[in-house]
C-alpha atoms as a PDB file:
ATOM      1  CA  MET A   1     177.553  30.372  -6.584  1.00  0.00           C
ATOM      2  CA  ILE A   2     179.993  27.235  -7.621  1.00  0.00           C
ATOM      3  CA  VAL A   3     178.482  23.788  -7.047  1.00  0.00           C
ATOM      4  CA  ASN A   4     180.710  20.898  -6.873  1.00  0.00           C
ATOM      5  CA  CYS A   5     180.173  17.304  -7.505  1.00  0.00           C
ATOM      6  CA  PHE A   6     182.106  14.421  -6.271  1.00  0.00           C
ATOM      7  CA  PHE A   7     180.721  11.212  -7.432  1.00  0.00           C
ATOM      8  CA  ASP A   8     182.163   7.488  -8.238  1.00  0.00           C
ATOM      9  CA  LYS A   9     179.125   6.619 -10.115  1.00  0.00           C
ATOM     10  CA  TYR A  10     177.377   9.040 -12.943  1.00  0.00           C
ATOM     11  CA  PHE A  11     175.377  11.460 -11.458  1.00  0.00           C
ATOM     12  CA  PHE A  12     172.088  12.400 -13.547  1.00  0.00           C
ATOM     13  CA  GLY A  13     171.088  15.737 -13.450  1.00  0.00           C
ATOM     14  CA  ARG A  14     168.118  17.591 -14.604  1.00  0.00           C
ATOM     15  CA  LEU A  15     168.598  20.621 -16.677  1.00  0.00           C
ATOM     16  CA  LYS A  16     166.645  22.856 -18.527  1.00  0.00           C
ATOM     17  CA  ASN A  17     165.058  20.655 -21.062  1.00  0.00           C
ATOM     18  CA  GLU A  18     164.790  17.389 -18.183  1.00  0.00           C
ATOM     19  CA  THR A  19     166.952  15.192 -20.249  1.00  0.00           C
ATOM     20  CA  SER A  20     169.836  13.318 -18.393  1.00  0.00           C
ATOM     21  CA  ARG A  21     173.703  14.264 -18.486  1.00  0.00           C
ATOM     22  CA  ARG A  22     176.331  12.782 -16.989  1.00  0.00           C
ATOM     23  CA  ILE A  23     179.071  14.137 -14.802  1.00  0.00           C
ATOM     24  CA  ARG A  24     181.254  11.859 -13.380  1.00  0.00           C
ATOM     25  CA  THR A  25     184.494  11.915 -10.747  1.00  0.00           C
ATOM     26  CA  LEU A  26     184.611  15.599 -10.285  1.00  0.00           C
ATOM     27  CA  ALA A  27     183.207  18.565 -11.939  1.00  0.00           C
ATOM     28  CA  SER A  28     182.586  21.859 -11.013  1.00  0.00           C
ATOM     29  CA  LEU A  29     180.067  24.126 -12.232  1.00  0.00           C
ATOM     30  CA  PHE A  30     179.553  28.181 -12.400  1.00  0.00           C
ATOM     31  CA  ARG A  31     176.190  29.493 -12.321  1.00  0.00           C
ATOM     32  CA  ASN A  32     174.268  29.360 -15.529  1.00  0.00           C
ATOM     33  CA  VAL A  33     175.823  26.714 -17.040  1.00  0.00           C
ATOM     34  CA  CYS A  34     174.043  24.642 -20.069  1.00  0.00           C
ATOM     35  CA  ILE A  35     175.086  20.650 -20.646  1.00  0.00           C
ATOM     36  CA  GLY A  36     173.187  19.283 -23.551  1.00  0.00           C
ATOM     37  CA  GLU A  37     171.750  16.122 -23.586  1.00  0.00           C
ATOM     38  CA  HIS A  38     173.797  12.773 -23.801  1.00  0.00           C
ATOM     39  CA  SER A  39     177.365  14.932 -23.023  1.00  0.00           C
ATOM     40  CA  ASP A  40     179.743  13.809 -20.420  1.00  0.00           C
ATOM     41  CA  VAL A  41     181.393  15.922 -18.278  1.00  0.00           C
ATOM     42  CA  ASN A  42     184.488  14.513 -16.189  1.00  0.00           C
ATOM     43  CA  ASN A  43     187.215  16.156 -14.164  1.00  0.00           C
ATOM     44  CA  SER A  44     186.592  19.605 -15.630  1.00  0.00           C
ATOM     45  CA  ILE A  45     185.562  23.387 -14.397  1.00  0.00           C
ATOM     46  CA  LEU A  46     182.993  24.847 -16.541  1.00  0.00           C
ATOM     47  CA  MET A  47     182.628  28.578 -15.577  1.00  0.00           C
ATOM     48  CA  GLU A  48     179.826  31.090 -15.974  1.00  0.00           C
ATOM     49  CA  GLY A  49     177.713  30.981 -19.185  1.00  0.00           C
ATOM     50  CA  THR A  50     179.365  28.200 -20.754  1.00  0.00           C
ATOM     51  CA  SER A  51     177.232  26.273 -22.964  1.00  0.00           C
ATOM     52  CA  VAL A  52     178.111  22.524 -24.049  1.00  0.00           C
ATOM     53  CA  GLY A  53     176.018  21.255 -26.815  1.00  0.00           C
ATOM     54  CA  ARG A  54     174.523  17.426 -27.481  1.00  0.00           C
ATOM     55  CA  ASN A  55     176.609  14.468 -27.600  1.00  0.00           C
ATOM     56  CA  CYS A  56     179.920  16.540 -26.180  1.00  0.00           C
ATOM     57  CA  THR A  57     182.921  14.917 -24.372  1.00  0.00           C
ATOM     58  CA  ILE A  58     184.467  17.172 -21.934  1.00  0.00           C
ATOM     59  CA  GLU A  59     187.255  15.616 -19.777  1.00  0.00           C
ATOM     60  CA  TYR A  60     190.412  17.224 -18.065  1.00  0.00           C
ATOM     61  CA  ALA A  61     189.448  20.726 -18.958  1.00  0.00           C
ATOM     62  CA  ILE A  62     189.112  24.254 -17.884  1.00  0.00           C
ATOM     63  CA  LEU A  63     186.464  25.931 -19.952  1.00  0.00           C
ATOM     64  CA  ASP A  64     186.576  29.994 -19.283  1.00  0.00           C
ATOM     65  CA  LYS A  65     183.290  32.335 -19.272  1.00  0.00           C
ATOM     66  CA  GLU A  66     181.405  32.216 -22.063  1.00  0.00           C
ATOM     67  CA  VAL A  67     182.175  29.423 -24.137  1.00  0.00           C
ATOM     68  CA  THR A  68     180.518  27.489 -26.363  1.00  0.00           C
ATOM     69  CA  ILE A  69     181.169  23.785 -27.365  1.00  0.00           C
ATOM     70  CA  GLU A  70     179.025  23.059 -30.190  1.00  0.00           C
ATOM     71  CA  ASP A  71     177.220  19.918 -30.846  1.00  0.00           C
ATOM     72  CA  GLY A  72     179.265  16.293 -31.199  1.00  0.00           C
ATOM     73  CA  ALA A  73     183.062  18.565 -30.167  1.00  0.00           C
ATOM     74  CA  ALA A  74     185.140  16.857 -27.907  1.00  0.00           C
ATOM     75  CA  VAL A  75     187.491  19.134 -25.584  1.00  0.00           C
ATOM     76  CA  VAL A  76     189.984  16.450 -23.613  1.00  0.00           C
ATOM     77  CA  GLY A  77     193.047  16.702 -22.150  1.00  0.00           C
ATOM     78  CA  SER A  78     194.995  14.114 -19.455  1.00  0.00           C
ATOM     79  CA  PRO A  79     195.411  14.370 -15.564  1.00  0.00           C
ATOM     80  CA  GLU A  80     199.009  15.222 -16.097  1.00  0.00           C
ATOM     81  CA  ASN A  81     197.972  18.648 -19.106  1.00  0.00           C
ATOM     82  CA  SER A  82     194.745  19.637 -18.922  1.00  0.00           C
ATOM     83  CA  VAL A  83     193.013  21.570 -21.681  1.00  0.00           C
ATOM     84  CA  VAL A  84     192.275  25.378 -21.155  1.00  0.00           C
ATOM     85  CA  VAL A  85     189.809  27.157 -23.606  1.00  0.00           C
ATOM     86  CA  ALA A  86     189.719  30.914 -23.455  1.00  0.00           C
ATOM     87  CA  LYS A  87     186.899  33.275 -22.653  1.00  0.00           C
ATOM     88  CA  GLY A  88     184.522  33.531 -25.886  1.00  0.00           C
ATOM     89  CA  THR A  89     186.072  30.756 -27.438  1.00  0.00           C
ATOM     90  CA  VAL A  90     183.669  28.703 -29.783  1.00  0.00           C
ATOM     91  CA  VAL A  91     184.749  24.982 -29.936  1.00  0.00           C
ATOM     92  CA  PRO A  92     183.619  23.292 -33.368  1.00  0.00           C
ATOM     93  CA  GLN A  93     182.231  19.841 -33.800  1.00  0.00           C
ATOM     94  CA  SER A  94     185.504  17.844 -34.359  1.00  0.00           C
END
């Protein structure tokens, strides 16, 4: 199942531990995606099993299956050049 979120303002979702996450503009989230508290996801696709830590920024990115974004990491592309993270990759804190 894929959930597409189209918002002009912030969308505050409630996930596992009931804290706020921000998803703006277009974000496609597959099932079993975990987003840590105080993380921003914008204009991105997060595929099944992806885990985003706390205080992360994801913009203009495509995260393949089982990607792990560690706390405080940033994956930021641009409208002309999206970042693609391969299946099973661990992105360390920047």
